[in-house]
Amino acid sequence: MRNWIGPFGAWLSDLVFGAVGLTAFLAPLLLGLSTTSVFLRRSRRLRFGDVGGLLGCGLALSVLGQLVFPEVSFRGASVSGGGVAGAVLVESLGASLGRPGTWILGVTALLASARMA
């Protein structure tokens, strides 16, 4: 694998892509929005809600990515749309809530996390 950042960047992108799937492509956008909100506040301290909201958005997007794209062809390989996190969460939530309940919980978690962040 090659990457602009080198071997470490290739390793890190592989790790993040495997963990959260297609949500990895949104990670720079989420980090940029979070950084912008921190710099626009009077107090430049990073709050617990910022970090929790960012992680919640990532996990909720993983769940929704897994629901929309259960399997995606990416660079010649078949990968899970939500990564390992999305696949595990959808499987465990689907067993107790069913597919509609998983959708409702995923969208609600995304909206609440985005508000928190």
N, C-alpha and C. Protein backbone atom coordinates (compact mmCIF):
# COMPACT_ATOMS: atom_id res chain seq x y z
N MET A 1 0.83 -1.20 0.00
CA MET A 1 0.00 0.00 0.00
C MET A 1 0.87 1.24 0.00
N ARG A 2 0.37 2.23 -0.70
CA ARG A 2 1.09 3.51 -0.71
C ARG A 2 0.12 4.59 -0.25
N ASN A 3 0.69 5.62 0.31
CA ASN A 3 -0.11 6.71 0.84
C ASN A 3 0.73 7.97 0.81
N TRP A 4 0.07 9.15 0.77
CA TRP A 4 0.81 10.40 0.77
C TRP A 4 1.61 10.58 2.05
N ILE A 5 1.14 10.02 3.13
CA ILE A 5 1.81 10.18 4.42
C ILE A 5 2.88 9.11 4.62
N GLY A 6 2.90 8.11 3.77
CA GLY A 6 3.90 7.07 3.87
C GLY A 6 3.34 5.80 4.49
N PRO A 7 4.22 4.92 4.95
CA PRO A 7 3.77 3.64 5.52
C PRO A 7 2.84 3.81 6.73
N PHE A 8 3.14 4.79 7.57
CA PHE A 8 2.28 5.00 8.74
C PHE A 8 0.88 5.44 8.30
N GLY A 9 0.78 6.32 7.31
CA GLY A 9 -0.51 6.76 6.80
C GLY A 9 -1.29 5.60 6.19
N ALA A 10 -0.59 4.73 5.46
CA ALA A 10 -1.24 3.57 4.86
C ALA A 10 -1.76 2.63 5.94
N TRP A 11 -0.97 2.42 6.98
CA TRP A 11 -1.38 1.56 8.09
C TRP A 11 -2.58 2.17 8.82
N LEU A 12 -2.52 3.47 9.10
CA LEU A 12 -3.60 4.13 9.82
C LEU A 12 -4.89 4.15 9.00
N SER A 13 -4.80 4.44 7.72
CA SER A 13 -6.00 4.46 6.88
C SER A 13 -6.61 3.06 6.77
N ASP A 14 -5.79 2.03 6.70
CA ASP A 14 -6.29 0.66 6.67
C ASP A 14 -6.99 0.31 7.98
N LEU A 15 -6.42 0.73 9.08
CA LEU A 15 -7.01 0.46 10.39
C LEU A 15 -8.36 1.16 10.53
N VAL A 16 -8.42 2.44 10.19
CA VAL A 16 -9.66 3.21 10.32
C VAL A 16 -10.71 2.70 9.33
N PHE A 17 -10.31 2.41 8.11
CA PHE A 17 -11.26 1.92 7.11
C PHE A 17 -11.81 0.56 7.52
N GLY A 18 -10.98 -0.29 8.08
CA GLY A 18 -11.46 -1.59 8.55
C GLY A 18 -12.40 -1.45 9.74
N ALA A 19 -12.16 -0.46 10.58
CA ALA A 19 -12.97 -0.29 11.79
C ALA A 19 -14.34 0.33 11.50
N VAL A 20 -14.37 1.39 10.67
CA VAL A 20 -15.63 2.10 10.46
C VAL A 20 -16.10 2.12 9.00
N GLY A 21 -15.41 1.46 8.11
CA GLY A 21 -15.84 1.34 6.72
C GLY A 21 -15.85 2.67 5.98
N LEU A 22 -16.92 2.91 5.25
CA LEU A 22 -17.02 4.10 4.41
C LEU A 22 -17.03 5.40 5.22
N THR A 23 -17.34 5.31 6.50
CA THR A 23 -17.32 6.49 7.37
C THR A 23 -15.92 7.07 7.46
N ALA A 24 -14.91 6.27 7.18
CA ALA A 24 -13.52 6.75 7.22
C ALA A 24 -13.32 7.91 6.25
N PHE A 25 -14.08 7.94 5.16
CA PHE A 25 -13.95 9.03 4.20
C PHE A 25 -14.53 10.33 4.75
N LEU A 26 -15.42 10.23 5.73
CA LEU A 26 -16.01 11.42 6.35
C LEU A 26 -15.23 11.90 7.57
N ALA A 27 -14.26 11.12 8.02
CA ALA A 27 -13.50 11.49 9.22
C ALA A 27 -12.81 12.86 9.10
N PRO A 28 -12.16 13.18 7.98
CA PRO A 28 -11.56 14.52 7.89
C PRO A 28 -12.59 15.65 7.99
N LEU A 29 -13.77 15.43 7.40
CA LEU A 29 -14.83 16.43 7.47
C LEU A 29 -15.31 16.60 8.92
N LEU A 30 -15.53 15.48 9.62
CA LEU A 30 -15.97 15.54 11.02
C LEU A 30 -14.93 16.23 11.89
N LEU A 31 -13.67 15.90 11.69
CA LEU A 31 -12.60 16.54 12.47
C LEU A 31 -12.51 18.03 12.15
N GLY A 32 -12.68 18.40 10.90
CA GLY A 32 -12.64 19.81 10.51
C GLY A 32 -13.78 20.60 11.13
N LEU A 33 -14.99 20.04 11.12
CA LEU A 33 -16.13 20.71 11.73
C LEU A 33 -15.94 20.85 13.23
N SER A 34 -15.41 19.82 13.87
CA SER A 34 -15.17 19.88 15.30
C SER A 34 -14.11 20.91 15.65
N THR A 35 -13.05 20.98 14.86
CA THR A 35 -11.99 21.96 15.09
C THR A 35 -12.52 23.37 14.90
N THR A 36 -13.35 23.57 13.88
CA THR A 36 -13.92 24.88 13.63
C THR A 36 -14.79 25.34 14.79
N SER A 37 -15.59 24.42 15.33
CA SER A 37 -16.46 24.80 16.45
C SER A 37 -15.65 25.14 17.69
N VAL A 38 -14.53 24.46 17.91
CA VAL A 38 -13.68 24.77 19.06
C VAL A 38 -13.06 26.16 18.90
N PHE A 39 -12.59 26.49 17.71
CA PHE A 39 -11.94 27.78 17.50
C PHE A 39 -12.92 28.95 17.46
N LEU A 40 -14.19 28.70 17.16
CA LEU A 40 -15.17 29.76 17.13
C LEU A 40 -15.72 30.11 18.51
N ARG A 41 -15.49 29.23 19.48
CA ARG A 41 -15.95 29.51 20.84
C ARG A 41 -15.00 30.44 21.56
N ARG A 42 -15.52 31.11 22.54
CA ARG A 42 -14.68 31.99 23.36
C ARG A 42 -13.67 31.17 24.16
N SER A 43 -14.15 30.12 24.78
CA SER A 43 -13.27 29.22 25.53
C SER A 43 -12.76 28.17 24.55
N ARG A 44 -11.48 28.07 24.40
CA ARG A 44 -10.91 27.16 23.41
C ARG A 44 -10.61 25.78 23.98
N ARG A 45 -11.18 25.48 25.12
CA ARG A 45 -10.95 24.16 25.71
C ARG A 45 -11.82 23.13 25.01
N LEU A 46 -11.28 21.95 24.87
CA LEU A 46 -12.02 20.84 24.27
C LEU A 46 -12.90 20.23 25.34
N ARG A 47 -14.20 20.22 25.11
CA ARG A 47 -15.13 19.69 26.10
C ARG A 47 -15.40 18.21 25.85
N PHE A 48 -15.89 17.56 26.91
CA PHE A 48 -16.22 16.15 26.81
C PHE A 48 -17.30 15.92 25.75
N GLY A 49 -18.25 16.83 25.66
CA GLY A 49 -19.33 16.70 24.68
C GLY A 49 -18.82 16.74 23.25
N ASP A 50 -17.77 17.51 23.01
CA ASP A 50 -17.19 17.58 21.66
C ASP A 50 -16.65 16.22 21.24
N VAL A 51 -15.89 15.62 22.12
CA VAL A 51 -15.27 14.32 21.82
C VAL A 51 -16.34 13.23 21.74
N GLY A 52 -17.26 13.23 22.71
CA GLY A 52 -18.33 12.24 22.72
C GLY A 52 -19.23 12.36 21.50
N GLY A 53 -19.52 13.59 21.12
CA GLY A 53 -20.36 13.81 19.94
C GLY A 53 -19.67 13.36 18.66
N LEU A 54 -18.38 13.62 18.57
CA LEU A 54 -17.61 13.21 17.39
C LEU A 54 -17.56 11.69 17.28
N LEU A 55 -17.31 11.01 18.40
CA LEU A 55 -17.29 9.54 18.39
C LEU A 55 -18.68 8.98 18.11
N GLY A 56 -19.70 9.61 18.69
CA GLY A 56 -21.07 9.17 18.45
C GLY A 56 -21.47 9.32 16.99
N CYS A 57 -21.08 10.43 16.36
CA CYS A 57 -21.35 10.63 14.93
C CYS A 57 -20.67 9.54 14.11
N GLY A 58 -19.43 9.24 14.45
CA GLY A 58 -18.71 8.21 13.71
C GLY A 58 -19.38 6.85 13.82
N LEU A 59 -19.79 6.48 15.04
CA LEU A 59 -20.45 5.18 15.22
C LEU A 59 -21.82 5.15 14.57
N ALA A 60 -22.58 6.23 14.69
CA ALA A 60 -23.91 6.27 14.07
C ALA A 60 -23.79 6.20 12.54
N LEU A 61 -22.81 6.90 11.99
CA LEU A 61 -22.60 6.84 10.54
C LEU A 61 -22.14 5.45 10.11
N SER A 62 -21.40 4.77 10.98
CA SER A 62 -21.00 3.38 10.69
C SER A 62 -22.21 2.47 10.61
N VAL A 63 -23.12 2.64 11.57
CA VAL A 63 -24.34 1.82 11.58
C VAL A 63 -25.17 2.10 10.33
N LEU A 64 -25.36 3.38 10.01
CA LEU A 64 -26.15 3.72 8.83
C LEU A 64 -25.45 3.28 7.55
N GLY A 65 -24.13 3.38 7.51
CA GLY A 65 -23.37 2.91 6.35
C GLY A 65 -23.53 1.41 6.16
N GLN A 66 -23.57 0.68 7.27
CA GLN A 66 -23.75 -0.77 7.18
C GLN A 66 -25.16 -1.12 6.72
N LEU A 67 -26.14 -0.34 7.17
CA LEU A 67 -27.52 -0.60 6.76
C LEU A 67 -27.73 -0.29 5.28
N VAL A 68 -27.13 0.79 4.79
CA VAL A 68 -27.31 1.19 3.40
C VAL A 68 -26.44 0.35 2.46
N PHE A 69 -25.18 0.15 2.84
CA PHE A 69 -24.23 -0.59 2.00
C PHE A 69 -23.67 -1.78 2.78
N PRO A 70 -24.40 -2.89 2.85
CA PRO A 70 -23.90 -4.04 3.62
C PRO A 70 -22.57 -4.58 3.08
N GLU A 71 -22.42 -4.51 1.76
CA GLU A 71 -21.16 -4.97 1.15
C GLU A 71 -20.85 -4.08 -0.05
N VAL A 72 -19.61 -3.60 -0.09
CA VAL A 72 -19.20 -2.67 -1.14
C VAL A 72 -17.93 -3.18 -1.79
N SER A 73 -17.84 -3.06 -3.10
CA SER A 73 -16.61 -3.40 -3.79
C SER A 73 -15.71 -2.17 -3.78
N PHE A 74 -14.54 -2.29 -3.16
CA PHE A 74 -13.61 -1.17 -3.04
C PHE A 74 -12.22 -1.65 -3.41
N ARG A 75 -11.68 -1.10 -4.48
CA ARG A 75 -10.35 -1.45 -4.97
C ARG A 75 -10.16 -2.96 -5.15
N GLY A 76 -11.17 -3.57 -5.73
CA GLY A 76 -11.09 -4.98 -6.07
C GLY A 76 -11.43 -5.93 -4.93
N ALA A 77 -11.72 -5.42 -3.74
CA ALA A 77 -12.07 -6.27 -2.61
C ALA A 77 -13.49 -5.95 -2.16
N SER A 78 -14.13 -6.92 -1.56
CA SER A 78 -15.46 -6.71 -1.01
C SER A 78 -15.32 -6.35 0.46
N VAL A 79 -15.80 -5.17 0.83
CA VAL A 79 -15.67 -4.69 2.21
C VAL A 79 -17.04 -4.35 2.77
N SER A 80 -17.12 -4.33 4.08
CA SER A 80 -18.35 -3.98 4.77
C SER A 80 -18.51 -2.47 4.76
N GLY A 81 -19.70 -1.97 4.44
CA GLY A 81 -19.94 -0.54 4.36
C GLY A 81 -19.76 0.19 5.67
N GLY A 82 -20.03 -0.48 6.77
CA GLY A 82 -19.89 0.14 8.09
C GLY A 82 -18.68 -0.35 8.85
N GLY A 83 -17.83 -1.13 8.20
CA GLY A 83 -16.65 -1.66 8.88
C GLY A 83 -17.03 -2.68 9.95
N VAL A 84 -16.06 -3.02 10.76
CA VAL A 84 -16.30 -3.99 11.83
C VAL A 84 -17.28 -3.42 12.85
N ALA A 85 -17.11 -2.14 13.19
CA ALA A 85 -18.00 -1.51 14.19
C ALA A 85 -19.44 -1.52 13.69
N GLY A 86 -19.67 -1.12 12.45
CA GLY A 86 -21.02 -1.10 11.91
C GLY A 86 -21.63 -2.48 11.82
N ALA A 87 -20.84 -3.46 11.38
CA ALA A 87 -21.36 -4.82 11.25
C ALA A 87 -21.75 -5.40 12.61
N VAL A 88 -20.91 -5.20 13.62
CA VAL A 88 -21.19 -5.72 14.96
C VAL A 88 -22.41 -5.03 15.55
N LEU A 89 -22.47 -3.70 15.43
CA LEU A 89 -23.60 -2.96 16.00
C LEU A 89 -24.92 -3.30 15.29
N VAL A 90 -24.91 -3.39 13.97
CA VAL A 90 -26.14 -3.72 13.25
C VAL A 90 -26.59 -5.12 13.58
N GLU A 91 -25.66 -6.04 13.69
CA GLU A 91 -26.04 -7.42 14.02
C GLU A 91 -26.62 -7.52 15.43
N SER A 92 -25.99 -6.86 16.39
CA SER A 92 -26.49 -6.96 17.77
C SER A 92 -27.77 -6.15 17.96
N LEU A 93 -27.86 -4.97 17.35
CA LEU A 93 -29.09 -4.18 17.47
C LEU A 93 -30.23 -4.81 16.68
N GLY A 94 -29.91 -5.37 15.53
CA GLY A 94 -30.93 -6.01 14.70
C GLY A 94 -31.57 -7.21 15.39
N ALA A 95 -30.79 -7.91 16.21
CA ALA A 95 -31.32 -9.07 16.92
C ALA A 95 -32.36 -8.66 17.96
N SER A 96 -32.17 -7.51 18.59
CA SER A 96 -33.11 -7.10 19.63
C SER A 96 -34.15 -6.09 19.15
N LEU A 97 -33.80 -5.22 18.21
CA LEU A 97 -34.71 -4.16 17.77
C LEU A 97 -35.34 -4.42 16.40
N GLY A 98 -34.73 -5.27 15.62
CA GLY A 98 -35.18 -5.48 14.25
C GLY A 98 -34.57 -4.41 13.35
N ARG A 99 -34.76 -4.55 12.06
CA ARG A 99 -34.18 -3.60 11.11
C ARG A 99 -34.77 -2.19 11.24
N PRO A 100 -36.11 -2.04 11.35
CA PRO A 100 -36.65 -0.69 11.49
C PRO A 100 -36.18 0.00 12.77
N GLY A 101 -36.10 -0.75 13.85
CA GLY A 101 -35.62 -0.17 15.11
C GLY A 101 -34.17 0.25 15.04
N THR A 102 -33.37 -0.51 14.29
CA THR A 102 -31.96 -0.16 14.11
C THR A 102 -31.84 1.12 13.30
N TRP A 103 -32.68 1.28 12.28
CA TRP A 103 -32.69 2.52 11.50
C TRP A 103 -33.07 3.72 12.37
N ILE A 104 -34.12 3.55 13.15
CA ILE A 104 -34.58 4.64 14.02
C ILE A 104 -33.50 5.02 15.02
N LEU A 105 -32.90 4.02 15.65
CA LEU A 105 -31.85 4.29 16.63
C LEU A 105 -30.62 4.93 15.98
N GLY A 106 -30.26 4.47 14.78
CA GLY A 106 -29.10 5.03 14.08
C GLY A 106 -29.29 6.49 13.71
N VAL A 107 -30.46 6.83 13.17
CA VAL A 107 -30.73 8.22 12.79
C VAL A 107 -30.81 9.10 14.04
N THR A 108 -31.48 8.61 15.08
CA THR A 108 -31.60 9.37 16.33
C THR A 108 -30.22 9.60 16.96
N ALA A 109 -29.39 8.57 16.96
CA ALA A 109 -28.04 8.69 17.53
C ALA A 109 -27.21 9.69 16.72
N LEU A 110 -27.36 9.68 15.41
CA LEU A 110 -26.63 10.64 14.57
C LEU A 110 -27.05 12.07 14.87
N LEU A 111 -28.35 12.30 14.95
CA LEU A 111 -28.84 13.65 15.23
C LEU A 111 -28.43 14.13 16.62
N ALA A 112 -28.55 13.24 17.62
CA ALA A 112 -28.16 13.63 18.98
C ALA A 112 -26.67 13.86 19.08
N SER A 113 -25.86 13.04 18.44
CA SER A 113 -24.41 13.20 18.48
C SER A 113 -23.97 14.46 17.76
N ALA A 114 -24.62 14.76 16.63
CA ALA A 114 -24.27 15.97 15.89
C ALA A 114 -24.61 17.20 16.71
N ARG A 115 -25.71 17.16 17.41
CA ARG A 115 -26.08 18.28 18.28
C ARG A 115 -25.10 18.42 19.44
N MET A 116 -24.69 17.29 19.99
CA MET A 116 -23.74 17.30 21.10
C MET A 116 -22.38 17.82 20.67
N ALA A 117 -21.97 17.43 19.47
CA ALA A 117 -20.65 17.86 18.98
C ALA A 117 -20.70 19.30 18.56
